[in-house]
Amino acid sequence: MSSYRLDRTAFKAQTATEAADHAAYYRNLTWQERLRIANYLNSIAYNYPENEPPKMDKTVFSMRGRN
């Protein structure tokens, strides 16, 4: 996992409305960039290495036919 650090020196004065409007920024990104960001955020939230998501435990599930 990459070691990203928060740059605490960066600051932009803005209103609460401007700060809450992230949609405009993400709309300008390609779908690949948005997917990369989502992958990174999931890896942080669920504590796994960025490019090695956990495998699904397939022993928990079972398959059966409909009657």
C-alpha atoms as a PDB file:
ATOM      1  CA  MET A   1       0.000   0.000   0.000  1.00  0.00           C
ATOM      2  CA  SER A   2       1.286   3.434  -0.840  1.00  0.00           C
ATOM      3  CA  SER A   3       2.088   5.705   2.044  1.00  0.00           C
ATOM      4  CA  TYR A   4       0.073   8.865   1.463  1.00  0.00           C
ATOM      5  CA  ARG A   5       0.445  11.729   3.877  1.00  0.00           C
ATOM      6  CA  LEU A   6      -1.932  14.598   4.465  1.00  0.00           C
ATOM      7  CA  ASP A   7      -0.436  17.958   3.526  1.00  0.00           C
ATOM      8  CA  ARG A   8      -1.539  20.079   6.469  1.00  0.00           C
ATOM      9  CA  THR A   9      -0.075  23.247   4.926  1.00  0.00           C
ATOM     10  CA  ALA A  10      -2.571  23.236   2.058  1.00  0.00           C
ATOM     11  CA  PHE A  11      -5.680  25.293   2.725  1.00  0.00           C
ATOM     12  CA  LYS A  12      -8.254  26.980   0.555  1.00  0.00           C
ATOM     13  CA  ALA A  13     -10.670  29.513   2.037  1.00  0.00           C
ATOM     14  CA  GLN A  14     -14.174  28.747   0.817  1.00  0.00           C
ATOM     15  CA  THR A  15     -17.790  28.827   1.878  1.00  0.00           C
ATOM     16  CA  ALA A  16     -19.574  25.769   3.293  1.00  0.00           C
ATOM     17  CA  THR A  17     -21.461  25.355   0.012  1.00  0.00           C
ATOM     18  CA  GLU A  18     -18.248  25.367  -2.033  1.00  0.00           C
ATOM     19  CA  ALA A  19     -16.603  22.932   0.370  1.00  0.00           C
ATOM     20  CA  ALA A  20     -19.538  20.519   0.125  1.00  0.00           C
ATOM     21  CA  ASP A  21     -19.659  20.561  -3.691  1.00  0.00           C
ATOM     22  CA  HIS A  22     -17.252  17.778  -4.679  1.00  0.00           C
ATOM     23  CA  ALA A  23     -19.383  16.601  -7.586  1.00  0.00           C
ATOM     24  CA  ALA A  24     -17.952  19.182  -9.980  1.00  0.00           C
ATOM     25  CA  TYR A  25     -14.401  17.962  -9.329  1.00  0.00           C
ATOM     26  CA  TYR A  26     -15.235  14.270  -9.766  1.00  0.00           C
ATOM     27  CA  ARG A  27     -17.347  14.922 -12.874  1.00  0.00           C
ATOM     28  CA  ASN A  28     -14.195  16.140 -14.671  1.00  0.00           C
ATOM     29  CA  LEU A  29     -12.276  12.909 -13.941  1.00  0.00           C
ATOM     30  CA  THR A  30     -12.351   9.898 -16.230  1.00  0.00           C
ATOM     31  CA  TRP A  31     -14.186   6.791 -15.066  1.00  0.00           C
ATOM     32  CA  GLN A  32     -10.802   5.059 -14.654  1.00  0.00           C
ATOM     33  CA  GLU A  33      -9.582   7.781 -12.282  1.00  0.00           C
ATOM     34  CA  ARG A  34     -12.816   7.636 -10.267  1.00  0.00           C
ATOM     35  CA  LEU A  35     -12.512   3.848 -10.027  1.00  0.00           C
ATOM     36  CA  ARG A  36      -8.887   4.156  -8.834  1.00  0.00           C
ATOM     37  CA  ILE A  37      -9.985   6.629  -6.139  1.00  0.00           C
ATOM     38  CA  ALA A  38     -12.834   4.328  -5.043  1.00  0.00           C
ATOM     39  CA  ASN A  39     -10.400   1.392  -4.840  1.00  0.00           C
ATOM     40  CA  TYR A  40      -8.031   3.442  -2.690  1.00  0.00           C
ATOM     41  CA  LEU A  41     -10.815   4.620  -0.346  1.00  0.00           C
ATOM     42  CA  ASN A  42     -12.117   1.040   0.049  1.00  0.00           C
ATOM     43  CA  SER A  43      -8.628  -0.193   0.887  1.00  0.00           C
ATOM     44  CA  ILE A  44      -8.340   2.459   3.599  1.00  0.00           C
ATOM     45  CA  ALA A  45     -11.837   1.811   4.985  1.00  0.00           C
ATOM     46  CA  TYR A  46     -11.466  -1.982   5.116  1.00  0.00           C
ATOM     47  CA  ASN A  47      -7.733  -2.025   5.947  1.00  0.00           C
ATOM     48  CA  TYR A  48      -6.267  -4.107   3.116  1.00  0.00           C
ATOM     49  CA  PRO A  49      -3.360  -3.419   0.751  1.00  0.00           C
ATOM     50  CA  GLU A  50      -4.457  -1.149  -2.091  1.00  0.00           C
ATOM     51  CA  ASN A  51      -4.039  -3.576  -4.996  1.00  0.00           C
ATOM     52  CA  GLU A  52      -4.703  -6.807  -3.072  1.00  0.00           C
ATOM     53  CA  PRO A  53      -8.369  -6.923  -2.030  1.00  0.00           C
ATOM     54  CA  PRO A  54      -9.393  -9.819   0.236  1.00  0.00           C
ATOM     55  CA  LYS A  55     -10.737 -12.961  -1.397  1.00  0.00           C
ATOM     56  CA  MET A  56     -14.337 -13.983  -0.845  1.00  0.00           C
ATOM     57  CA  ASP A  57     -14.771 -17.022   1.419  1.00  0.00           C
ATOM     58  CA  LYS A  58     -16.780 -19.266  -0.905  1.00  0.00           C
ATOM     59  CA  THR A  59     -17.209 -21.999   1.723  1.00  0.00           C
ATOM     60  CA  VAL A  60     -19.821 -19.873   3.503  1.00  0.00           C
ATOM     61  CA  PHE A  61     -22.238 -19.916   0.557  1.00  0.00           C
ATOM     62  CA  SER A  62     -24.114 -22.852  -0.869  1.00  0.00           C
ATOM     63  CA  MET A  63     -26.068 -23.336  -4.072  1.00  0.00           C
ATOM     64  CA  ARG A  64     -29.407 -25.114  -4.293  1.00  0.00           C
ATOM     65  CA  GLY A  65     -32.077 -25.422  -6.945  1.00  0.00           C
ATOM     66  CA  ARG A  66     -35.591 -24.039  -6.821  1.00  0.00           C
ATOM     67  CA  ASN A  67     -38.450 -26.412  -6.122  1.00  0.00           C
END
